[in-house]
C-alpha atoms as a PDB file:
ATOM      1  CA  MET A   1      20.681  -2.820  -9.268  1.00  0.00           C
ATOM      2  CA  ILE A   2      17.714  -1.367  -7.450  1.00  0.00           C
ATOM      3  CA  THR A   3      18.789   0.273  -4.280  1.00  0.00           C
ATOM      4  CA  ASP A   4      15.734   2.369  -3.484  1.00  0.00           C
ATOM      5  CA  VAL A   5      12.068   2.310  -3.998  1.00  0.00           C
ATOM      6  CA  GLN A   6      12.182   5.523  -5.690  1.00  0.00           C
ATOM      7  CA  TYR A   7      13.445   3.579  -8.727  1.00  0.00           C
ATOM      8  CA  PHE A   8       9.690   2.886  -9.312  1.00  0.00           C
ATOM      9  CA  ARG A   9       8.362   6.316  -8.675  1.00  0.00           C
ATOM     10  CA  SER A  10       7.444   7.201 -12.370  1.00  0.00           C
ATOM     11  CA  ASP A  11       5.839   3.669 -12.637  1.00  0.00           C
ATOM     12  CA  LEU A  12       3.787   4.127  -9.453  1.00  0.00           C
ATOM     13  CA  GLU A  13       2.496   7.692 -10.902  1.00  0.00           C
ATOM     14  CA  GLU A  14       1.489   5.950 -14.051  1.00  0.00           C
ATOM     15  CA  ILE A  15      -0.369   3.436 -12.069  1.00  0.00           C
ATOM     16  CA  LEU A  16      -2.025   6.332  -9.966  1.00  0.00           C
ATOM     17  CA  SER A  17      -3.229   8.174 -13.114  1.00  0.00           C
ATOM     18  CA  LEU A  18      -4.923   4.956 -14.312  1.00  0.00           C
ATOM     19  CA  PHE A  19      -6.793   4.856 -11.017  1.00  0.00           C
ATOM     20  CA  VAL A  20      -7.777   8.640 -11.171  1.00  0.00           C
ATOM     21  CA  GLY A  21      -9.109   8.118 -14.578  1.00  0.00           C
ATOM     22  CA  TYR A  22     -11.132   4.977 -13.703  1.00  0.00           C
ATOM     23  CA  LYS A  23     -14.783   6.260 -13.863  1.00  0.00           C
ATOM     24  CA  LYS A  24     -16.784   3.053 -13.566  1.00  0.00           C
ATOM     25  CA  ASP A  25     -18.166   1.570 -10.310  1.00  0.00           C
ATOM     26  CA  MET A  26     -15.942  -0.781  -8.405  1.00  0.00           C
ATOM     27  CA  GLN A  27     -16.971  -4.513  -8.341  1.00  0.00           C
ATOM     28  CA  PHE A  28     -17.710  -5.742  -4.678  1.00  0.00           C
ATOM     29  CA  ILE A  29     -16.063  -9.069  -4.396  1.00  0.00           C
ATOM     30  CA  LYS A  30     -17.438 -11.341  -1.776  1.00  0.00           C
ATOM     31  CA  SER A  31     -15.001 -13.304   0.234  1.00  0.00           C
ATOM     32  CA  ILE A  32     -14.441 -14.733   3.559  1.00  0.00           C
ATOM     33  CA  SER A  33     -14.254 -12.578   6.699  1.00  0.00           C
ATOM     34  CA  ILE A  34     -11.451 -12.472   9.321  1.00  0.00           C
ATOM     35  CA  LYS A  35     -11.857 -14.893  12.203  1.00  0.00           C
ATOM     36  CA  ASP A  36      -8.569 -14.863  13.947  1.00  0.00           C
ATOM     37  CA  PHE A  37      -7.442 -11.381  14.991  1.00  0.00           C
ATOM     38  CA  SER A  38      -4.167 -12.328  16.644  1.00  0.00           C
ATOM     39  CA  LYS A  39      -1.086 -10.549  15.519  1.00  0.00           C
ATOM     40  CA  GLU A  40       0.423 -13.866  14.353  1.00  0.00           C
ATOM     41  CA  ASN A  41      -2.520 -14.722  12.087  1.00  0.00           C
ATOM     42  CA  ILE A  42      -2.785 -11.048  10.562  1.00  0.00           C
ATOM     43  CA  SER A  43       0.905 -11.112   9.946  1.00  0.00           C
ATOM     44  CA  LYS A  44       0.788 -14.565   8.315  1.00  0.00           C
ATOM     45  CA  GLN A  45      -2.176 -13.679   6.080  1.00  0.00           C
ATOM     46  CA  PHE A  46      -0.706 -10.551   5.016  1.00  0.00           C
ATOM     47  CA  ASN A  47       2.566 -12.028   3.950  1.00  0.00           C
ATOM     48  CA  GLU A  48       0.746 -14.628   1.978  1.00  0.00           C
ATOM     49  CA  THR A  49      -1.296 -12.023   0.267  1.00  0.00           C
ATOM     50  CA  PHE A  50       0.974  -9.107  -0.135  1.00  0.00           C
ATOM     51  CA  ARG A  51       4.469 -10.329  -0.072  1.00  0.00           C
ATOM     52  CA  SER A  52       4.873 -12.827  -2.731  1.00  0.00           C
ATOM     53  CA  PHE A  53       5.558 -13.200  -6.445  1.00  0.00           C
ATOM     54  CA  PRO A  54       2.088 -13.689  -8.193  1.00  0.00           C
ATOM     55  CA  TYR A  55       1.701 -16.575 -10.813  1.00  0.00           C
ATOM     56  CA  TYR A  56      -2.048 -17.112 -11.160  1.00  0.00           C
ATOM     57  CA  ILE A  57      -3.409 -16.463 -14.687  1.00  0.00           C
ATOM     58  CA  GLU A  58      -6.802 -15.164 -15.153  1.00  0.00           C
ATOM     59  CA  SER A  59      -8.864 -13.642 -18.088  1.00  0.00           C
ATOM     60  CA  SER A  60      -8.289  -9.975 -19.089  1.00  0.00           C
ATOM     61  CA  SER A  61     -10.549  -7.559 -17.175  1.00  0.00           C
ATOM     62  CA  ASP A  62     -11.399  -3.762 -17.747  1.00  0.00           C
ATOM     63  CA  LYS A  63     -12.820  -3.544 -14.191  1.00  0.00           C
ATOM     64  CA  LEU A  64     -11.481  -2.728 -10.654  1.00  0.00           C
ATOM     65  CA  GLY A  65     -12.795  -4.825  -7.752  1.00  0.00           C
ATOM     66  CA  ILE A  66     -11.734  -5.737  -4.210  1.00  0.00           C
ATOM     67  CA  SER A  67     -13.127  -7.541  -1.049  1.00  0.00           C
ATOM     68  CA  TYR A  68     -13.430  -6.132   2.189  1.00  0.00           C
ATOM     69  CA  TYR A  69     -11.071  -9.134   3.500  1.00  0.00           C
ATOM     70  CA  THR A  70      -8.179  -7.788   1.341  1.00  0.00           C
ATOM     71  CA  LEU A  71      -8.948  -4.374   2.623  1.00  0.00           C
ATOM     72  CA  GLU A  72      -9.302  -5.072   6.302  1.00  0.00           C
ATOM     73  CA  LEU A  73      -6.206  -7.335   6.131  1.00  0.00           C
ATOM     74  CA  PHE A  74      -4.058  -4.495   4.877  1.00  0.00           C
ATOM     75  CA  ASP A  75      -5.279  -1.950   7.339  1.00  0.00           C
ATOM     76  CA  LEU A  76      -5.048  -4.377  10.398  1.00  0.00           C
ATOM     77  CA  TYR A  77      -1.507  -5.372   9.529  1.00  0.00           C
ATOM     78  CA  TYR A  78      -0.467  -1.644   9.841  1.00  0.00           C
ATOM     79  CA  ASP A  79      -2.831  -0.961  12.753  1.00  0.00           C
ATOM     80  CA  LEU A  80      -0.752  -3.865  14.581  1.00  0.00           C
ATOM     81  CA  ASP A  81       2.273  -2.289  13.877  1.00  0.00           C
ATOM     82  CA  SER A  82       1.776   0.400  16.379  1.00  0.00           C
ATOM     83  CA  VAL A  83       0.084  -1.764  19.080  1.00  0.00           C
ATOM     84  CA  ASP A  84       0.694  -5.385  20.426  1.00  0.00           C
ATOM     85  CA  LYS A  85      -2.910  -6.268  20.243  1.00  0.00           C
ATOM     86  CA  LEU A  86      -6.187  -4.973  18.574  1.00  0.00           C
ATOM     87  CA  ASP A  87      -8.797  -3.807  21.229  1.00  0.00           C
ATOM     88  CA  SER A  88     -12.473  -4.885  20.903  1.00  0.00           C
ATOM     89  CA  ALA A  89     -13.641  -1.636  19.115  1.00  0.00           C
ATOM     90  CA  ARG A  90     -11.295  -2.187  16.323  1.00  0.00           C
ATOM     91  CA  ILE A  91     -12.389  -5.933  15.938  1.00  0.00           C
ATOM     92  CA  ASN A  92     -15.922  -4.892  16.047  1.00  0.00           C
ATOM     93  CA  GLN A  93     -15.324  -2.321  13.440  1.00  0.00           C
ATOM     94  CA  THR A  94     -13.811  -4.925  11.151  1.00  0.00           C
ATOM     95  CA  LYS A  95     -16.804  -7.263  11.566  1.00  0.00           C
ATOM     96  CA  SER A  96     -19.332  -4.703  10.949  1.00  0.00           C
ATOM     97  CA  ARG A  97     -17.596  -3.821   7.678  1.00  0.00           C
ATOM     98  CA  PHE A  98     -18.083  -7.434   6.398  1.00  0.00           C
ATOM     99  CA  LEU A  99     -21.897  -6.950   6.793  1.00  0.00           C
ATOM    100  CA  LYS A 100     -21.873  -4.267   4.161  1.00  0.00           C
ATOM    101  CA  ASP A 101     -22.503  -5.252   0.590  1.00  0.00           C
ATOM    102  CA  TYR A 102     -21.078  -2.484  -1.304  1.00  0.00           C
ATOM    103  CA  LEU A 103     -17.917  -0.507  -1.760  1.00  0.00           C
ATOM    104  CA  ASP A 104     -17.015   3.326  -1.215  1.00  0.00           C
ATOM    105  CA  ILE A 105     -15.766   5.168  -4.290  1.00  0.00           C
ATOM    106  CA  ASN A 106     -12.291   6.002  -2.550  1.00  0.00           C
ATOM    107  CA  ASP A 107     -11.712   2.386  -1.885  1.00  0.00           C
ATOM    108  CA  GLN A 108     -10.091   2.427  -5.246  1.00  0.00           C
ATOM    109  CA  TYR A 109      -7.295   4.471  -3.991  1.00  0.00           C
ATOM    110  CA  ILE A 110      -6.594   1.754  -1.078  1.00  0.00           C
ATOM    111  CA  ILE A 111      -5.775  -0.529  -4.146  1.00  0.00           C
ATOM    112  CA  TYR A 112      -3.017   1.959  -5.176  1.00  0.00           C
ATOM    113  CA  GLU A 113      -1.787   2.106  -1.545  1.00  0.00           C
ATOM    114  CA  ILE A 114      -1.451  -1.691  -1.643  1.00  0.00           C
ATOM    115  CA  ILE A 115       0.507  -1.519  -4.799  1.00  0.00           C
ATOM    116  CA  GLU A 116       2.846   1.097  -3.495  1.00  0.00           C
ATOM    117  CA  ASP A 117       3.304  -0.812  -0.387  1.00  0.00           C
ATOM    118  CA  TYR A 118       4.061  -3.923  -2.273  1.00  0.00           C
ATOM    119  CA  PHE A 119       6.914  -2.553  -4.366  1.00  0.00           C
ATOM    120  CA  HIS A 120       8.421  -0.969  -0.974  1.00  0.00           C
ATOM    121  CA  SER A 121       8.283  -4.460   0.433  1.00  0.00           C
ATOM    122  CA  LEU A 122       9.877  -6.097  -2.596  1.00  0.00           C
ATOM    123  CA  THR A 123      12.669  -3.466  -2.678  1.00  0.00           C
ATOM    124  CA  TYR A 124      13.613  -3.790   0.947  1.00  0.00           C
ATOM    125  CA  PHE A 125      12.198  -7.321   2.132  1.00  0.00           C
ATOM    126  CA  TYR A 126      12.955  -9.311  -1.046  1.00  0.00           C
ATOM    127  CA  GLU A 127      14.122 -12.252   0.970  1.00  0.00           C
ATOM    128  CA  ILE A 128      10.439 -12.827   1.936  1.00  0.00           C
ATOM    129  CA  PHE A 129       9.430 -13.158  -1.646  1.00  0.00           C
ATOM    130  CA  ILE A 130      12.156 -15.464  -2.847  1.00  0.00           C
ATOM    131  CA  ALA A 131      11.738 -17.688   0.103  1.00  0.00           C
ATOM    132  CA  LYS A 132       7.939 -18.056  -0.642  1.00  0.00           C
ATOM    133  CA  ALA A 133       8.639 -18.689  -4.290  1.00  0.00           C
ATOM    134  CA  LYS A 134      10.799 -21.591  -3.387  1.00  0.00           C
ATOM    135  CA  LYS A 135       7.845 -23.244  -1.787  1.00  0.00           C
ATOM    136  CA  TYR A 136       5.622 -22.985  -4.680  1.00  0.00           C
ATOM    137  CA  SER A 137       4.556 -26.625  -5.890  1.00  0.00           C
ATOM    138  CA  PHE A 138       5.956 -26.095  -9.451  1.00  0.00           C
ATOM    139  CA  PHE A 139       9.635 -25.120  -7.900  1.00  0.00           C
ATOM    140  CA  VAL A 140       9.518 -28.148  -5.475  1.00  0.00           C
ATOM    141  CA  GLU A 141      13.357 -28.949  -4.790  1.00  0.00           C
ATOM    142  CA  ILE A 142      14.553 -26.044  -6.953  1.00  0.00           C
ATOM    143  CA  THR A 143      16.591 -23.932  -4.751  1.00  0.00           C
ATOM    144  CA  ASN A 144      18.684 -22.074  -7.287  1.00  0.00           C
ATOM    145  CA  GLU A 145      17.303 -18.469  -7.226  1.00  0.00           C
ATOM    146  CA  GLU A 146      18.424 -17.599 -10.863  1.00  0.00           C
ATOM    147  CA  ILE A 147      16.434 -20.673 -12.302  1.00  0.00           C
ATOM    148  CA  ILE A 148      13.326 -19.507 -10.320  1.00  0.00           C
ATOM    149  CA  LEU A 149      13.684 -15.887 -11.485  1.00  0.00           C
ATOM    150  CA  LYS A 150      14.147 -16.843 -15.042  1.00  0.00           C
ATOM    151  CA  ASN A 151      10.987 -18.934 -15.124  1.00  0.00           C
ATOM    152  CA  LEU A 152       8.912 -16.273 -13.353  1.00  0.00           C
ATOM    153  CA  LEU A 153      10.306 -13.804 -15.894  1.00  0.00           C
ATOM    154  CA  SER A 154       9.230 -16.006 -18.759  1.00  0.00           C
ATOM    155  CA  LEU A 155       5.673 -16.305 -17.384  1.00  0.00           C
ATOM    156  CA  TYR A 156       5.447 -12.665 -16.978  1.00  0.00           C
ATOM    157  CA  LYS A 157       6.662 -11.640 -20.491  1.00  0.00           C
ATOM    158  CA  GLY A 158       4.332 -14.414 -21.985  1.00  0.00           C
ATOM    159  CA  ILE A 159       1.416 -12.579 -20.255  1.00  0.00           C
ATOM    160  CA  LEU A 160       2.440  -9.269 -21.429  1.00  0.00           C
ATOM    161  CA  ASN A 161       1.962 -10.578 -25.043  1.00  0.00           C
ATOM    162  CA  ASP A 162      -1.316 -12.033 -24.561  1.00  0.00           C
ATOM    163  CA  THR A 163      -4.192  -9.591 -24.731  1.00  0.00           C
ATOM    164  CA  SER A 164      -6.727 -12.327 -23.485  1.00  0.00           C
ATOM    165  CA  LYS A 165      -5.003 -13.110 -20.037  1.00  0.00           C
ATOM    166  CA  GLN A 166      -3.538 -11.305 -17.236  1.00  0.00           C
ATOM    167  CA  ILE A 167      -1.630 -12.029 -13.842  1.00  0.00           C
ATOM    168  CA  ARG A 168      -3.804 -11.928 -10.704  1.00  0.00           C
ATOM    169  CA  VAL A 169      -1.522  -9.935  -8.627  1.00  0.00           C
ATOM    170  CA  PHE A 170      -3.482 -10.126  -5.168  1.00  0.00           C
ATOM    171  CA  TRP A 171      -5.913 -12.486  -3.820  1.00  0.00           C
ATOM    172  CA  GLY A 172      -9.424 -10.903  -3.379  1.00  0.00           C
ATOM    173  CA  LEU A 173      -8.599  -8.056  -5.803  1.00  0.00           C
ATOM    174  CA  THR A 174      -9.331  -7.335  -9.506  1.00  0.00           C
ATOM    175  CA  LEU A 175      -7.281  -5.130 -11.432  1.00  0.00           C
ATOM    176  CA  THR A 176      -7.720  -3.765 -15.044  1.00  0.00           C
ATOM    177  CA  LYS A 177      -5.428  -5.418 -17.786  1.00  0.00           C
ATOM    178  CA  LYS A 178      -3.715  -2.002 -17.922  1.00  0.00           C
ATOM    179  CA  ILE A 179      -2.834  -1.832 -14.375  1.00  0.00           C
ATOM    180  CA  SER A 180      -1.948  -5.591 -13.979  1.00  0.00           C
ATOM    181  CA  ASP A 181       0.404  -5.430 -17.102  1.00  0.00           C
ATOM    182  CA  LYS A 182       2.050  -2.298 -15.652  1.00  0.00           C
ATOM    183  CA  ILE A 183       2.680  -4.152 -12.411  1.00  0.00           C
ATOM    184  CA  VAL A 184       4.126  -7.261 -14.329  1.00  0.00           C
ATOM    185  CA  GLU A 185       6.206  -4.809 -16.345  1.00  0.00           C
ATOM    186  CA  MET A 186       7.667  -3.684 -13.056  1.00  0.00           C
ATOM    187  CA  LEU A 187       8.227  -6.999 -11.816  1.00  0.00           C
ATOM    188  CA  CYS A 188      10.165  -7.990 -14.971  1.00  0.00           C
ATOM    189  CA  ASP A 189      12.297  -4.838 -14.596  1.00  0.00           C
ATOM    190  CA  PHE A 190      12.901  -5.929 -10.870  1.00  0.00           C
ATOM    191  CA  ILE A 191      13.809  -9.540 -11.853  1.00  0.00           C
ATOM    192  CA  GLU A 192      16.171  -8.423 -14.469  1.00  0.00           C
ATOM    193  CA  GLN A 193      18.001  -6.060 -12.240  1.00  0.00           C
ATOM    194  CA  ARG A 194      18.322  -8.914  -9.661  1.00  0.00           C
ATOM    195  CA  LEU A 195      19.526 -11.250 -12.179  1.00  0.00           C
ATOM    196  CA  LEU A 196      22.429  -8.852 -13.066  1.00  0.00           C
ATOM    197  CA  VAL A 197      23.410  -8.876  -9.516  1.00  0.00           C
ATOM    198  CA  LEU A 198      23.302 -12.968  -9.511  1.00  0.00           C
ATOM    199  CA  ASN A 199      25.310 -13.220 -12.607  1.00  0.00           C
ATOM    200  CA  PRO A 200      27.720 -10.152 -13.229  1.00  0.00           C
ATOM    201  CA  HIS A 201      28.712 -11.621 -16.583  1.00  0.00           C
ATOM    202  CA  ILE A 202      25.522 -10.356 -18.157  1.00  0.00           C
ATOM    203  CA  ASN A 203      26.043  -7.482 -20.396  1.00  0.00           C
ATOM    204  CA  THR A 204      24.488  -4.421 -18.739  1.00  0.00           C
ATOM    205  CA  ASP A 205      25.158  -1.769 -21.215  1.00  0.00           C
ATOM    206  CA  SER A 206      21.540  -2.174 -22.612  1.00  0.00           C
ATOM    207  CA  ILE A 207      19.719  -1.995 -19.182  1.00  0.00           C
ATOM    208  CA  THR A 208      19.342   1.599 -17.951  1.00  0.00           C
ATOM    209  CA  ASN A 209      18.993   2.523 -14.424  1.00  0.00           C
ATOM    210  CA  LYS A 210      15.842   4.801 -13.745  1.00  0.00           C
ATOM    211  CA  LEU A 211      16.619   5.799 -10.263  1.00  0.00           C
ATOM    212  CA  THR A 212      17.086   9.570  -9.621  1.00  0.00           C
ATOM    213  CA  PHE A 213      17.590  11.324  -6.555  1.00  0.00           C
ATOM    214  CA  LYS A 214      16.390  14.745  -5.431  1.00  0.00           C
ATOM    215  CA  SER A 215      18.368  17.135  -3.423  1.00  0.00           C
ATOM    216  CA  ASN A 216      16.727  17.035   0.144  1.00  0.00           C
ATOM    217  CA  LYS A 217      17.705  20.151   2.096  1.00  0.00           C
ATOM    218  CA  ILE A 218      14.661  19.919   4.375  1.00  0.00           C
ATOM    219  CA  GLU A 219      15.690  20.046   8.167  1.00  0.00           C
ATOM    220  CA  PRO A 220      12.760  18.054   9.784  1.00  0.00           C
ATOM    221  CA  ILE A 221      11.064  19.259  12.860  1.00  0.00           C
ATOM    222  CA  LEU A 222      10.964  16.827  15.879  1.00  0.00           C
ATOM    223  CA  TRP A 223       7.183  16.013  16.542  1.00  0.00           C
ATOM    224  CA  LYS A 224       6.870  15.536  20.276  1.00  0.00           C
ATOM    225  CA  GLY A 225       3.435  13.991  20.159  1.00  0.00           C
ATOM    226  CA  THR A 226       1.955  10.937  18.688  1.00  0.00           C
ATOM    227  CA  GLN A 227       1.043  10.301  15.124  1.00  0.00           C
ATOM    228  CA  GLN A 228      -2.619  10.387  16.037  1.00  0.00           C
ATOM    229  CA  GLU A 229      -2.183  13.835  17.451  1.00  0.00           C
ATOM    230  CA  LEU A 230      -0.374  15.117  14.320  1.00  0.00           C
ATOM    231  CA  CYS A 231      -3.133  13.650  12.379  1.00  0.00           C
ATOM    232  CA  GLU A 232      -5.750  15.553  14.555  1.00  0.00           C
ATOM    233  CA  LEU A 233      -3.769  18.901  14.177  1.00  0.00           C
ATOM    234  CA  PHE A 234      -4.001  18.508  10.270  1.00  0.00           C
ATOM    235  CA  SER A 235      -7.616  17.563  10.446  1.00  0.00           C
ATOM    236  CA  GLU A 236      -8.482  20.529  12.737  1.00  0.00           C
ATOM    237  CA  LEU A 237      -6.436  23.041  10.171  1.00  0.00           C
ATOM    238  CA  SER A 238      -8.573  21.790   7.391  1.00  0.00           C
ATOM    239  CA  LEU A 239     -11.804  21.922   9.119  1.00  0.00           C
ATOM    240  CA  LYS A 240     -11.281  25.302  10.448  1.00  0.00           C
ATOM    241  CA  GLY A 241      -9.951  26.509   7.133  1.00  0.00           C
ATOM    242  CA  TRP A 242      -6.426  27.130   7.649  1.00  0.00           C
ATOM    243  CA  ILE A 243      -5.466  24.824   4.955  1.00  0.00           C
ATOM    244  CA  PRO A 244      -7.604  23.412   1.952  1.00  0.00           C
ATOM    245  CA  GLU A 245      -9.339  20.210   2.095  1.00  0.00           C
ATOM    246  CA  ILE A 246      -7.159  17.409   0.838  1.00  0.00           C
ATOM    247  CA  PRO A 247      -8.437  15.914  -2.560  1.00  0.00           C
ATOM    248  CA  ASP A 248      -9.098  12.259  -2.774  1.00  0.00           C
ATOM    249  CA  GLY A 249      -6.086  10.651  -4.538  1.00  0.00           C
ATOM    250  CA  LYS A 250      -3.619  12.999  -3.161  1.00  0.00           C
ATOM    251  CA  ARG A 251      -3.855  12.014   0.560  1.00  0.00           C
ATOM    252  CA  LYS A 252      -1.031   9.571   0.248  1.00  0.00           C
ATOM    253  CA  LYS A 253       1.468  12.416  -1.266  1.00  0.00           C
ATOM    254  CA  ILE A 254       0.350  14.734   1.261  1.00  0.00           C
ATOM    255  CA  ALA A 255       1.005  12.331   4.057  1.00  0.00           C
ATOM    256  CA  GLU A 256       4.552  11.679   2.632  1.00  0.00           C
ATOM    257  CA  SER A 257       5.211  15.405   2.742  1.00  0.00           C
ATOM    258  CA  ILE A 258       4.122  15.648   6.233  1.00  0.00           C
ATOM    259  CA  THR A 259       6.420  12.900   7.356  1.00  0.00           C
ATOM    260  CA  GLU A 260       9.117  14.769   5.391  1.00  0.00           C
ATOM    261  CA  ILE A 261       8.642  17.925   7.386  1.00  0.00           C
ATOM    262  CA  PHE A 262       8.114  16.339  10.653  1.00  0.00           C
ATOM    263  CA  ASP A 263      10.607  13.848  12.312  1.00  0.00           C
ATOM    264  CA  LEU A 264       8.484  11.012  13.482  1.00  0.00           C
ATOM    265  CA  GLN A 265      11.188   8.591  14.545  1.00  0.00           C
ATOM    266  CA  THR A 266      10.227   8.743  18.196  1.00  0.00           C
ATOM    267  CA  THR A 267       6.563   7.695  17.552  1.00  0.00           C
ATOM    268  CA  LYS A 268       7.823   4.237  16.071  1.00  0.00           C
ATOM    269  CA  HIS A 269       6.676   1.252  17.909  1.00  0.00           C
ATOM    270  CA  SER A 270       9.699  -0.855  17.066  1.00  0.00           C
ATOM    271  CA  LEU A 271      12.928  -0.536  14.984  1.00  0.00           C
ATOM    272  CA  SER A 272      11.541  -2.325  12.187  1.00  0.00           C
ATOM    273  CA  SER A 273       8.261  -0.383  11.925  1.00  0.00           C
ATOM    274  CA  LYS A 274       7.720   2.153   8.853  1.00  0.00           C
ATOM    275  CA  HIS A 275       6.399   5.239  10.555  1.00  0.00           C
ATOM    276  CA  THR A 276       5.609   6.862   7.305  1.00  0.00           C
ATOM    277  CA  ASP A 277       3.081   4.081   6.553  1.00  0.00           C
ATOM    278  CA  SER A 278       1.646   4.024  10.047  1.00  0.00           C
ATOM    279  CA  PHE A 279       1.021   7.627   9.874  1.00  0.00           C
ATOM    280  CA  TYR A 280      -0.699   7.452   6.615  1.00  0.00           C
ATOM    281  CA  GLN A 281      -2.902   4.705   8.133  1.00  0.00           C
ATOM    282  CA  GLN A 282      -4.164   7.474  10.536  1.00  0.00           C
ATOM    283  CA  PHE A 283      -4.064  10.289   8.073  1.00  0.00           C
ATOM    284  CA  LYS A 284      -6.337   8.693   5.634  1.00  0.00           C
ATOM    285  CA  GLY A 285      -9.246   8.079   7.852  1.00  0.00           C
ATOM    286  CA  GLU A 286     -12.347   6.243   6.763  1.00  0.00           C
ATOM    287  CA  MET A 287     -15.051   7.086   4.418  1.00  0.00           C
ATOM    288  CA  ILE A 288     -18.425   6.768   6.174  1.00  0.00           C
ATOM    289  CA  ASP A 289     -21.615   7.869   4.437  1.00  0.00           C
ATOM    290  CA  GLY A 290     -19.505   9.811   1.895  1.00  0.00           C
ATOM    291  CA  LYS A 291     -17.649  11.768   4.652  1.00  0.00           C
ATOM    292  CA  ARG A 292     -13.931  11.360   5.607  1.00  0.00           C
ATOM    293  CA  GLU A 293     -13.806  10.407   9.496  1.00  0.00           C
ATOM    294  CA  PHE A 294     -11.090   9.566  11.861  1.00  0.00           C
ATOM    295  CA  PRO A 295     -12.627   7.051  14.291  1.00  0.00           C
ATOM    296  CA  PHE A 296      -9.843   7.404  16.968  1.00  0.00           C
ATOM    297  CA  LEU A 297     -11.120  11.191  17.465  1.00  0.00           C
ATOM    298  CA  SER A 298     -14.327   9.821  18.953  1.00  0.00           C
ATOM    299  CA  SER A 299     -12.639   7.105  21.075  1.00  0.00           C
ATOM    300  CA  LYS A 300     -12.849   7.288  24.701  1.00  0.00           C
ATOM    301  CA  LYS A 301      -9.250   6.724  25.038  1.00  0.00           C
ATOM    302  CA  TYR A 302      -8.201   9.509  23.011  1.00  0.00           C
ATOM    303  CA  SER A 303      -7.951  13.127  24.481  1.00  0.00           C
ATOM    304  CA  LEU A 304      -8.331  15.913  21.841  1.00  0.00           C
ATOM    305  CA  LYS A 305      -5.597  18.271  21.813  1.00  0.00           C
ATOM    306  CA  PHE A 306      -6.110  20.970  18.999  1.00  0.00           C
ATOM    307  CA  ASP A 307     -10.072  21.056  19.123  1.00  0.00           C
ATOM    308  CA  LYS A 308      -9.801  24.711  20.434  1.00  0.00           C
ATOM    309  CA  ILE A 309      -8.185  26.094  17.183  1.00  0.00           C
ATOM    310  CA  LYS A 310     -10.296  28.892  15.988  1.00  0.00           C
ATOM    311  CA  GLU A 311     -11.827  29.306  12.634  1.00  0.00           C
ATOM    312  CA  ASN A 312      -9.837  31.147   9.967  1.00  0.00           C
ATOM    313  CA  PRO A 313     -11.782  34.607   9.606  1.00  0.00           C
ATOM    314  CA  ASN A 314     -10.351  34.805   5.982  1.00  0.00           C
ATOM    315  CA  SER A 315     -11.393  31.461   4.877  1.00  0.00           C
ATOM    316  CA  GLU A 316     -14.062  31.307   2.136  1.00  0.00           C
ATOM    317  CA  ALA A 317     -17.450  29.712   3.249  1.00  0.00           C
END
């Protein structure tokens, strides 16, 4: 039985290593743009794209590619986690992004973030996934969860044995066969564990539980500001030479470390919001002309709090 997303930690680290080792240019996938920026529509499209069991089969690929629709949909959903409505500046930012016809090199790490978020959602919001699966055309009038899962499991294991095919995990996103298959292996693992819960008569002796726990003796410090202010603080510390620049590919883990050290519960917009993810959306910034920028810092609505921090005299030039 999977009780915590940490169950998939070693698998996710393996996927991250595949992204880090990918040295080719990413493919730019031209797709539709977002027209309706309402919270209702963004949430609906997000769930359609990122919270479902994949089933579409495509030819094997050795490339990574993504559309701006997929990128923006993911970002906008978590932007709306902290506000009730997107302001005009954020909407115009999205519209201008759709005018571009190329990808930034760091966009591949956003794909990893999408995958990590997917398995977090699968672990804690499984009811959304199975409810959607019951509406697939090929499962019409089939309500038995075990039958649905066994058929998905059969599909996935068949694809793993076919070198010419792979599962398209997300719409508007191309993954290599290696990454796609690793995700499918994780889905198989999840389904098998779920089937054990549904049918306790299955012999569980041969199924190992990978979940391990670390001793967490950290006493978090209550952060009395906003998530943006905490992001500004670390941005200034890096800019002024008090901490090293955070390498690409490690920003997600650093953000997780920060949210362990600082208690951000009071910054949550609602009881259901995930403050670790919403902080990371601020902390990752955006790559503009090859440089990481934090758009909120230049917003007229934001008042800088840590811009007076002095340069570290001992920092290397």
